[in-house]
PDB file of all heavy atoms in Angstrom:
ATOM      1  N   PHE A   1     -78.294  61.079 137.858  1.00  0.00           N
ATOM      2  CA  PHE A   1     -77.158  60.951 136.930  1.00  0.00           C
ATOM      3  C   PHE A   1     -77.646  60.894 135.481  1.00  0.00           C
ATOM      4  O   PHE A   1     -77.028  61.472 134.580  1.00  0.00           O
ATOM      5  CB  PHE A   1     -76.351  59.701 137.254  1.00  0.00           C
ATOM      6  CG  PHE A   1     -75.329  59.881 138.342  1.00  0.00           C
ATOM      7  CD1 PHE A   1     -75.113  58.892 139.280  1.00  0.00           C
ATOM      8  CD2 PHE A   1     -74.563  61.028 138.414  1.00  0.00           C
ATOM      9  CE1 PHE A   1     -74.159  59.044 140.278  1.00  0.00           C
ATOM     10  CE2 PHE A   1     -73.606  61.199 139.408  1.00  0.00           C
ATOM     11  CZ  PHE A   1     -73.409  60.197 140.346  1.00  0.00           C
ATOM     12  N   ALA A   2     -78.736  60.175 135.263  1.00  0.00           N
ATOM     13  CA  ALA A   2     -79.284  60.083 133.910  1.00  0.00           C
ATOM     14  C   ALA A   2     -79.682  61.467 133.389  1.00  0.00           C
ATOM     15  O   ALA A   2     -79.440  61.801 132.220  1.00  0.00           O
ATOM     16  CB  ALA A   2     -80.478  59.141 133.889  1.00  0.00           C
ATOM     17  N   ASP A   3     -80.268  62.282 134.259  1.00  0.00           N
ATOM     18  CA  ASP A   3     -80.670  63.622 133.839  1.00  0.00           C
ATOM     19  C   ASP A   3     -79.447  64.500 133.555  1.00  0.00           C
ATOM     20  O   ASP A   3     -79.451  65.303 132.617  1.00  0.00           O
ATOM     21  CB  ASP A   3     -81.556  64.258 134.902  1.00  0.00           C
ATOM     22  CG  ASP A   3     -82.933  63.613 134.961  1.00  0.00           C
ATOM     23  OD1 ASP A   3     -83.310  62.928 133.989  1.00  0.00           O
ATOM     24  OD2 ASP A   3     -83.631  63.776 135.987  1.00  0.00           O
ATOM     25  N   VAL A   4     -78.392  64.342 134.363  1.00  0.00           N
ATOM     26  CA  VAL A   4     -77.160  65.087 134.119  1.00  0.00           C
ATOM     27  C   VAL A   4     -76.586  64.728 132.747  1.00  0.00           C
ATOM     28  O   VAL A   4     -76.156  65.601 131.985  1.00  0.00           O
ATOM     29  CB  VAL A   4     -76.129  64.803 135.242  1.00  0.00           C
ATOM     30  CG1 VAL A   4     -74.741  65.302 134.849  1.00  0.00           C
ATOM     31  CG2 VAL A   4     -76.577  65.453 136.549  1.00  0.00           C
ATOM     32  N   VAL A   5     -76.602  63.438 132.422  1.00  0.00           N
ATOM     33  CA  VAL A   5     -76.101  62.996 131.119  1.00  0.00           C
ATOM     34  C   VAL A   5     -76.978  63.539 130.003  1.00  0.00           C
ATOM     35  O   VAL A   5     -76.478  64.071 128.989  1.00  0.00           O
ATOM     36  CB  VAL A   5     -76.027  61.456 131.061  1.00  0.00           C
ATOM     37  CG1 VAL A   5     -75.739  60.979 129.637  1.00  0.00           C
ATOM     38  CG2 VAL A   5     -74.955  60.935 132.010  1.00  0.00           C
ATOM     39  N   ARG A   6     -78.275  63.445 130.147  1.00  0.00           N
ATOM     40  CA  ARG A   6     -79.188  63.882 129.076  1.00  0.00           C
ATOM     41  C   ARG A   6     -79.173  65.387 128.889  1.00  0.00           C
ATOM     42  O   ARG A   6     -79.477  65.877 127.804  1.00  0.00           O
ATOM     43  CB  ARG A   6     -80.592  63.366 129.368  1.00  0.00           C
ATOM     44  CG  ARG A   6     -80.661  61.847 129.194  1.00  0.00           C
ATOM     45  CD  ARG A   6     -82.011  61.249 129.465  1.00  0.00           C
ATOM     46  NE  ARG A   6     -81.940  59.797 129.312  1.00  0.00           N
ATOM     47  CZ  ARG A   6     -82.358  58.921 130.207  1.00  0.00           C
ATOM     48  NH1 ARG A   6     -82.898  59.343 131.338  1.00  0.00           N
ATOM     49  NH2 ARG A   6     -82.251  57.623 129.987  1.00  0.00           N
ATOM     50  N   GLN A   7     -78.808  66.117 129.938  1.00  0.00           N
ATOM     51  CA  GLN A   7     -78.666  67.565 129.798  1.00  0.00           C
ATOM     52  C   GLN A   7     -77.331  67.955 129.178  1.00  0.00           C
ATOM     53  O   GLN A   7     -77.074  69.139 128.942  1.00  0.00           O
ATOM     54  CB  GLN A   7     -78.799  68.224 131.183  1.00  0.00           C
ATOM     55  CG  GLN A   7     -80.209  68.160 131.750  1.00  0.00           C
ATOM     56  CD  GLN A   7     -80.270  68.589 133.216  1.00  0.00           C
ATOM     57  OE1 GLN A   7     -79.288  69.066 133.781  1.00  0.00           O
ATOM     58  NE2 GLN A   7     -81.424  68.414 133.833  1.00  0.00           N
ATOM     59  N   GLY A   8     -76.482  66.966 128.901  1.00  0.00           N
ATOM     60  CA  GLY A   8     -75.200  67.237 128.274  1.00  0.00           C
ATOM     61  C   GLY A   8     -74.130  67.753 129.217  1.00  0.00           C
ATOM     62  O   GLY A   8     -73.074  68.212 128.775  1.00  0.00           O
ATOM     63  N   LYS A   9     -74.374  67.630 130.521  1.00  0.00           N
ATOM     64  CA  LYS A   9     -73.404  68.143 131.499  1.00  0.00           C
ATOM     65  C   LYS A   9     -72.335  67.114 131.845  1.00  0.00           C
ATOM     66  O   LYS A   9     -71.305  67.462 132.412  1.00  0.00           O
ATOM     67  CB  LYS A   9     -74.136  68.614 132.756  1.00  0.00           C
ATOM     68  CG  LYS A   9     -75.074  69.787 132.492  1.00  0.00           C
ATOM     69  CD  LYS A   9     -75.850  70.189 133.732  1.00  0.00           C
ATOM     70  CE  LYS A   9     -76.795  71.364 133.426  1.00  0.00           C
ATOM     71  NZ  LYS A   9     -77.563  71.757 134.625  1.00  0.00           N
ATOM     72  N   ALA A  10     -72.572  65.855 131.545  1.00  0.00           N
ATOM     73  CA  ALA A  10     -71.584  64.789 131.708  1.00  0.00           C
ATOM     74  C   ALA A  10     -71.796  63.793 130.581  1.00  0.00           C
ATOM     75  O   ALA A  10     -72.934  63.528 130.180  1.00  0.00           O
ATOM     76  CB  ALA A  10     -71.724  64.103 133.060  1.00  0.00           C
ATOM     77  N   LEU A  11     -70.701  63.242 130.065  1.00  0.00           N
ATOM     78  CA  LEU A  11     -70.803  62.295 128.957  1.00  0.00           C
ATOM     79  C   LEU A  11     -70.925  60.854 129.443  1.00  0.00           C
ATOM     80  O   LEU A  11     -71.593  60.038 128.820  1.00  0.00           O
ATOM     81  CB  LEU A  11     -69.586  62.436 128.034  1.00  0.00           C
ATOM     82  CG  LEU A  11     -69.327  63.843 127.480  1.00  0.00           C
ATOM     83  CD1 LEU A  11     -68.168  63.808 126.503  1.00  0.00           C
ATOM     84  CD2 LEU A  11     -70.582  64.411 126.822  1.00  0.00           C
ATOM     85  N   TYR A  12     -70.252  60.551 130.545  1.00  0.00           N
ATOM     86  CA  TYR A  12     -70.263  59.204 131.121  1.00  0.00           C
ATOM     87  C   TYR A  12     -70.402  59.336 132.633  1.00  0.00           C
ATOM     88  O   TYR A  12     -70.094  60.385 133.208  1.00  0.00           O
ATOM     89  CB  TYR A  12     -68.948  58.462 130.819  1.00  0.00           C
ATOM     90  CG  TYR A  12     -68.636  58.292 129.359  1.00  0.00           C
ATOM     91  CD1 TYR A  12     -67.991  59.306 128.646  1.00  0.00           C
ATOM     92  CD2 TYR A  12     -68.959  57.119 128.674  1.00  0.00           C
ATOM     93  CE1 TYR A  12     -67.688  59.162 127.296  1.00  0.00           C
ATOM     94  CE2 TYR A  12     -68.653  56.964 127.324  1.00  0.00           C
ATOM     95  CZ  TYR A  12     -68.020  57.990 126.650  1.00  0.00           C
ATOM     96  OH  TYR A  12     -67.717  57.832 125.317  1.00  0.00           O
ATOM     97  N   ILE A  13     -70.827  58.240 133.279  1.00  0.00           N
ATOM     98  CA  ILE A  13     -70.890  58.241 134.731  1.00  0.00           C
ATOM     99  C   ILE A  13     -70.073  57.081 135.278  1.00  0.00           C
ATOM    100  O   ILE A  13     -69.788  56.100 134.588  1.00  0.00           O
ATOM    101  CB  ILE A  13     -72.338  58.156 135.259  1.00  0.00           C
ATOM    102  CG1 ILE A  13     -73.003  56.848 134.826  1.00  0.00           C
ATOM    103  CG2 ILE A  13     -73.145  59.363 134.814  1.00  0.00           C
ATOM    104  CD1 ILE A  13     -74.241  56.517 135.630  1.00  0.00           C
ATOM    105  N   GLY A  14     -69.705  57.226 136.534  1.00  0.00           N
ATOM    106  CA  GLY A  14     -68.952  56.183 137.209  1.00  0.00           C
ATOM    107  C   GLY A  14     -69.101  56.332 138.708  1.00  0.00           C
ATOM    108  O   GLY A  14     -69.898  57.144 139.199  1.00  0.00           O
ATOM    109  N   VAL A  15     -68.324  55.554 139.434  1.00  0.00           N
ATOM    110  CA  VAL A  15     -68.392  55.555 140.890  1.00  0.00           C
ATOM    111  C   VAL A  15     -66.973  55.511 141.453  1.00  0.00           C
ATOM    112  O   VAL A  15     -66.009  55.358 140.716  1.00  0.00           O
ATOM    113  CB  VAL A  15     -69.217  54.370 141.415  1.00  0.00           C
ATOM    114  CG1 VAL A  15     -70.654  54.455 140.890  1.00  0.00           C
ATOM    115  CG2 VAL A  15     -68.596  53.031 141.023  1.00  0.00           C
ATOM    116  N   SER A  16     -66.867  55.617 142.754  1.00  0.00           N
ATOM    117  CA  SER A  16     -65.569  55.545 143.411  1.00  0.00           C
ATOM    118  C   SER A  16     -65.692  54.778 144.714  1.00  0.00           C
ATOM    119  O   SER A  16     -66.553  55.099 145.554  1.00  0.00           O
ATOM    120  CB  SER A  16     -65.032  56.958 143.691  1.00  0.00           C
ATOM    121  OG  SER A  16     -63.795  56.907 144.377  1.00  0.00           O
ATOM    122  N   GLU A  17     -64.865  53.763 144.873  1.00  0.00           N
ATOM    123  CA  GLU A  17     -64.823  52.946 146.078  1.00  0.00           C
ATOM    124  C   GLU A  17     -66.160  52.260 146.375  1.00  0.00           C
ATOM    125  O   GLU A  17     -66.549  52.110 147.529  1.00  0.00           O
ATOM    126  CB  GLU A  17     -64.366  53.779 147.285  1.00  0.00           C
ATOM    127  CG  GLU A  17     -62.909  54.207 147.223  1.00  0.00           C
ATOM    128  CD  GLU A  17     -61.931  53.091 147.590  1.00  0.00           C
ATOM    129  OE1 GLU A  17     -62.266  51.910 147.381  1.00  0.00           O
ATOM    130  OE2 GLU A  17     -60.843  53.409 148.068  1.00  0.00           O
ATOM    131  N   TRP A  18     -66.848  51.822 145.331  1.00  0.00           N
ATOM    132  CA  TRP A  18     -68.052  51.003 145.519  1.00  0.00           C
ATOM    133  C   TRP A  18     -67.649  49.533 145.548  1.00  0.00           C
ATOM    134  O   TRP A  18     -66.693  49.123 144.877  1.00  0.00           O
ATOM    135  CB  TRP A  18     -69.048  51.241 144.381  1.00  0.00           C
ATOM    136  CG  TRP A  18     -69.835  52.526 144.508  1.00  0.00           C
ATOM    137  CD1 TRP A  18     -69.453  53.672 145.136  1.00  0.00           C
ATOM    138  CD2 TRP A  18     -71.129  52.779 143.954  1.00  0.00           C
ATOM    139  NE1 TRP A  18     -70.434  54.632 145.005  1.00  0.00           N
ATOM    140  CE2 TRP A  18     -71.481  54.111 144.288  1.00  0.00           C
ATOM    141  CE3 TRP A  18     -72.025  52.026 143.207  1.00  0.00           C
ATOM    142  CZ2 TRP A  18     -72.682  54.689 143.910  1.00  0.00           C
ATOM    143  CZ3 TRP A  18     -73.231  52.606 142.813  1.00  0.00           C
ATOM    144  CH2 TRP A  18     -73.567  53.912 143.170  1.00  0.00           C
ATOM    145  N   SER A  19     -68.382  48.745 146.301  1.00  0.00           N
ATOM    146  CA  SER A  19     -68.134  47.307 146.339  1.00  0.00           C
ATOM    147  C   SER A  19     -68.642  46.666 145.048  1.00  0.00           C
ATOM    148  O   SER A  19     -69.366  47.290 144.264  1.00  0.00           O
ATOM    149  CB  SER A  19     -68.853  46.682 147.530  1.00  0.00           C
ATOM    150  OG  SER A  19     -70.266  46.704 147.314  1.00  0.00           O
ATOM    151  N   ALA A  20     -68.284  45.411 144.851  1.00  0.00           N
ATOM    152  CA  ALA A  20     -68.726  44.707 143.645  1.00  0.00           C
ATOM    153  C   ALA A  20     -70.244  44.641 143.568  1.00  0.00           C
ATOM    154  O   ALA A  20     -70.842  44.835 142.503  1.00  0.00           O
ATOM    155  CB  ALA A  20     -68.127  43.302 143.625  1.00  0.00           C
ATOM    156  N   THR A  21     -70.898  44.376 144.686  1.00  0.00           N
ATOM    157  CA  THR A  21     -72.360  44.303 144.713  1.00  0.00           C
ATOM    158  C   THR A  21     -72.980  45.642 144.363  1.00  0.00           C
ATOM    159  O   THR A  21     -73.960  45.725 143.607  1.00  0.00           O
ATOM    160  CB  THR A  21     -72.839  43.844 146.103  1.00  0.00           C
ATOM    161  OG1 THR A  21     -72.302  42.547 146.379  1.00  0.00           O
ATOM    162  CG2 THR A  21     -74.360  43.783 146.168  1.00  0.00           C
ATOM    163  N   GLN A  22     -72.430  46.725 144.892  1.00  0.00           N
ATOM    164  CA  GLN A  22     -72.950  48.061 144.617  1.00  0.00           C
ATOM    165  C   GLN A  22     -72.717  48.449 143.162  1.00  0.00           C
ATOM    166  O   GLN A  22     -73.602  49.046 142.524  1.00  0.00           O
ATOM    167  CB  GLN A  22     -72.274  49.061 145.559  1.00  0.00           C
ATOM    168  CG  GLN A  22     -72.675  48.876 147.014  1.00  0.00           C
ATOM    169  CD  GLN A  22     -71.705  49.542 147.989  1.00  0.00           C
ATOM    170  OE1 GLN A  22     -70.645  50.043 147.599  1.00  0.00           O
ATOM    171  NE2 GLN A  22     -72.066  49.543 149.264  1.00  0.00           N
ATOM    172  N   ILE A  23     -71.562  48.106 142.628  1.00  0.00           N
ATOM    173  CA  ILE A  23     -71.282  48.390 141.220  1.00  0.00           C
ATOM    174  C   ILE A  23     -72.293  47.686 140.323  1.00  0.00           C
ATOM    175  O   ILE A  23     -72.844  48.285 139.390  1.00  0.00           O
ATOM    176  CB  ILE A  23     -69.840  47.962 140.858  1.00  0.00           C
ATOM    177  CG1 ILE A  23     -68.830  48.903 141.512  1.00  0.00           C
ATOM    178  CG2 ILE A  23     -69.641  47.946 139.341  1.00  0.00           C
ATOM    179  CD1 ILE A  23     -67.387  48.440 141.399  1.00  0.00           C
ATOM    180  N   ARG A  24     -72.563  46.428 140.602  1.00  0.00           N
ATOM    181  CA  ARG A  24     -73.509  45.681 139.773  1.00  0.00           C
ATOM    182  C   ARG A  24     -74.902  46.303 139.834  1.00  0.00           C
ATOM    183  O   ARG A  24     -75.574  46.458 138.804  1.00  0.00           O
ATOM    184  CB  ARG A  24     -73.568  44.219 140.220  1.00  0.00           C
ATOM    185  CG  ARG A  24     -74.469  43.355 139.327  1.00  0.00           C
ATOM    186  CD  ARG A  24     -74.491  41.908 139.777  1.00  0.00           C
ATOM    187  NE  ARG A  24     -73.177  41.280 139.681  1.00  0.00           N
ATOM    188  CZ  ARG A  24     -72.680  40.784 138.563  1.00  0.00           C
ATOM    189  NH1 ARG A  24     -73.373  40.850 137.427  1.00  0.00           N
ATOM    190  NH2 ARG A  24     -71.489  40.216 138.559  1.00  0.00           N
ATOM    191  N   ALA A  25     -75.353  46.679 141.029  1.00  0.00           N
ATOM    192  CA  ALA A  25     -76.682  47.268 141.170  1.00  0.00           C
ATOM    193  C   ALA A  25     -76.773  48.590 140.407  1.00  0.00           C
ATOM    194  O   ALA A  25     -77.762  48.855 139.706  1.00  0.00           O
ATOM    195  CB  ALA A  25     -77.008  47.476 142.648  1.00  0.00           C
ATOM    196  N   GLY A  26     -75.760  49.430 140.539  1.00  0.00           N
ATOM    197  CA  GLY A  26     -75.768  50.702 139.824  1.00  0.00           C
ATOM    198  C   GLY A  26     -75.695  50.513 138.325  1.00  0.00           C
ATOM    199  O   GLY A  26     -76.383  51.201 137.559  1.00  0.00           O
ATOM    200  N   TRP A  27     -74.858  49.577 137.887  1.00  0.00           N
ATOM    201  CA  TRP A  27     -74.706  49.313 136.455  1.00  0.00           C
ATOM    202  C   TRP A  27     -76.023  48.819 135.851  1.00  0.00           C
ATOM    203  O   TRP A  27     -76.410  49.234 134.747  1.00  0.00           O
ATOM    204  CB  TRP A  27     -73.606  48.275 136.247  1.00  0.00           C
ATOM    205  CG  TRP A  27     -73.330  47.938 134.820  1.00  0.00           C
ATOM    206  CD1 TRP A  27     -72.456  48.557 133.980  1.00  0.00           C
ATOM    207  CD2 TRP A  27     -73.936  46.884 134.049  1.00  0.00           C
ATOM    208  NE1 TRP A  27     -72.476  47.966 132.743  1.00  0.00           N
ATOM    209  CE2 TRP A  27     -73.369  46.935 132.749  1.00  0.00           C
ATOM    210  CE3 TRP A  27     -74.888  45.911 134.339  1.00  0.00           C
ATOM    211  CZ2 TRP A  27     -73.749  46.044 131.747  1.00  0.00           C
ATOM    212  CZ3 TRP A  27     -75.262  45.023 133.339  1.00  0.00           C
ATOM    213  CH2 TRP A  27     -74.690  45.091 132.058  1.00  0.00           C
ATOM    214  N   GLU A  28     -76.721  47.945 136.552  1.00  0.00           N
ATOM    215  CA  GLU A  28     -77.996  47.421 136.034  1.00  0.00           C
ATOM    216  C   GLU A  28     -79.022  48.538 135.879  1.00  0.00           C
ATOM    217  O   GLU A  28     -79.762  48.578 134.880  1.00  0.00           O
ATOM    218  CB  GLU A  28     -78.510  46.314 136.951  1.00  0.00           C
ATOM    219  CG  GLU A  28     -77.685  45.029 136.857  1.00  0.00           C
ATOM    220  CD  GLU A  28     -78.116  43.960 137.844  1.00  0.00           C
ATOM    221  OE1 GLU A  28     -78.933  44.283 138.746  1.00  0.00           O
ATOM    222  OE2 GLU A  28     -77.633  42.811 137.729  1.00  0.00           O
ATOM    223  N   MET A  29     -79.079  49.452 136.858  1.00  0.00           N
ATOM    224  CA  MET A  29     -80.003  50.576 136.720  1.00  0.00           C
ATOM    225  C   MET A  29     -79.597  51.484 135.571  1.00  0.00           C
ATOM    226  O   MET A  29     -80.453  52.005 134.837  1.00  0.00           O
ATOM    227  CB  MET A  29     -80.058  51.376 138.024  1.00  0.00           C
ATOM    228  CG  MET A  29     -80.800  50.679 139.144  1.00  0.00           C
ATOM    229  SD  MET A  29     -81.023  51.764 140.565  1.00  0.00           S
ATOM    230  CE  MET A  29     -81.713  50.588 141.732  1.00  0.00           C
ATOM    231  N   ALA A  30     -78.299  51.675 135.406  1.00  0.00           N
ATOM    232  CA  ALA A  30     -77.816  52.504 134.296  1.00  0.00           C
ATOM    233  C   ALA A  30     -78.210  51.902 132.957  1.00  0.00           C
ATOM    234  O   ALA A  30     -78.542  52.635 132.010  1.00  0.00           O
ATOM    235  CB  ALA A  30     -76.303  52.675 134.380  1.00  0.00           C
ATOM    236  N   GLN A  31     -78.190  50.574 132.858  1.00  0.00           N
ATOM    237  CA  GLN A  31     -78.620  49.924 131.612  1.00  0.00           C
ATOM    238  C   GLN A  31     -80.085  50.207 131.342  1.00  0.00           C
ATOM    239  O   GLN A  31     -80.484  50.501 130.209  1.00  0.00           O
ATOM    240  CB  GLN A  31     -78.373  48.413 131.687  1.00  0.00           C
ATOM    241  CG  GLN A  31     -76.931  48.010 131.899  1.00  0.00           C
ATOM    242  CD  GLN A  31     -75.970  48.729 130.987  1.00  0.00           C
ATOM    243  OE1 GLN A  31     -75.975  48.538 129.769  1.00  0.00           O
ATOM    244  NE2 GLN A  31     -75.119  49.580 131.562  1.00  0.00           N
ATOM    245  N   ASP A  32     -80.912  50.127 132.386  1.00  0.00           N
ATOM    246  CA  ASP A  32     -82.338  50.423 132.218  1.00  0.00           C
ATOM    247  C   ASP A  32     -82.561  51.871 131.791  1.00  0.00           C
ATOM    248  O   ASP A  32     -83.476  52.172 131.013  1.00  0.00           O
ATOM    249  CB  ASP A  32     -83.086  50.144 133.523  1.00  0.00           C
ATOM    250  CG  ASP A  32     -83.152  48.655 133.857  1.00  0.00           C
ATOM    251  OD1 ASP A  32     -82.961  47.830 132.943  1.00  0.00           O
ATOM    252  OD2 ASP A  32     -83.378  48.328 135.043  1.00  0.00           O
ATOM    253  N   LEU A  33     -81.730  52.764 132.319  1.00  0.00           N
ATOM    254  CA  LEU A  33     -81.852  54.185 132.006  1.00  0.00           C
ATOM    255  C   LEU A  33     -81.133  54.574 130.718  1.00  0.00           C
ATOM    256  O   LEU A  33     -81.224  55.717 130.275  1.00  0.00           O
ATOM    257  CB  LEU A  33     -81.279  55.015 133.166  1.00  0.00           C
ATOM    258  CG  LEU A  33     -82.088  54.968 134.473  1.00  0.00           C
ATOM    259  CD1 LEU A  33     -81.243  55.456 135.645  1.00  0.00           C
ATOM    260  CD2 LEU A  33     -83.367  55.790 134.345  1.00  0.00           C
TER     261      LEU A  33
END
């Protein structure tokens, strides 16, 4: 996803039907990236 954003193919990322725990884990990695 980070590479897709950096290539300019998507401006933002998100998820669908993820649990709260999964959202937090993905969000934390997104912050690092």
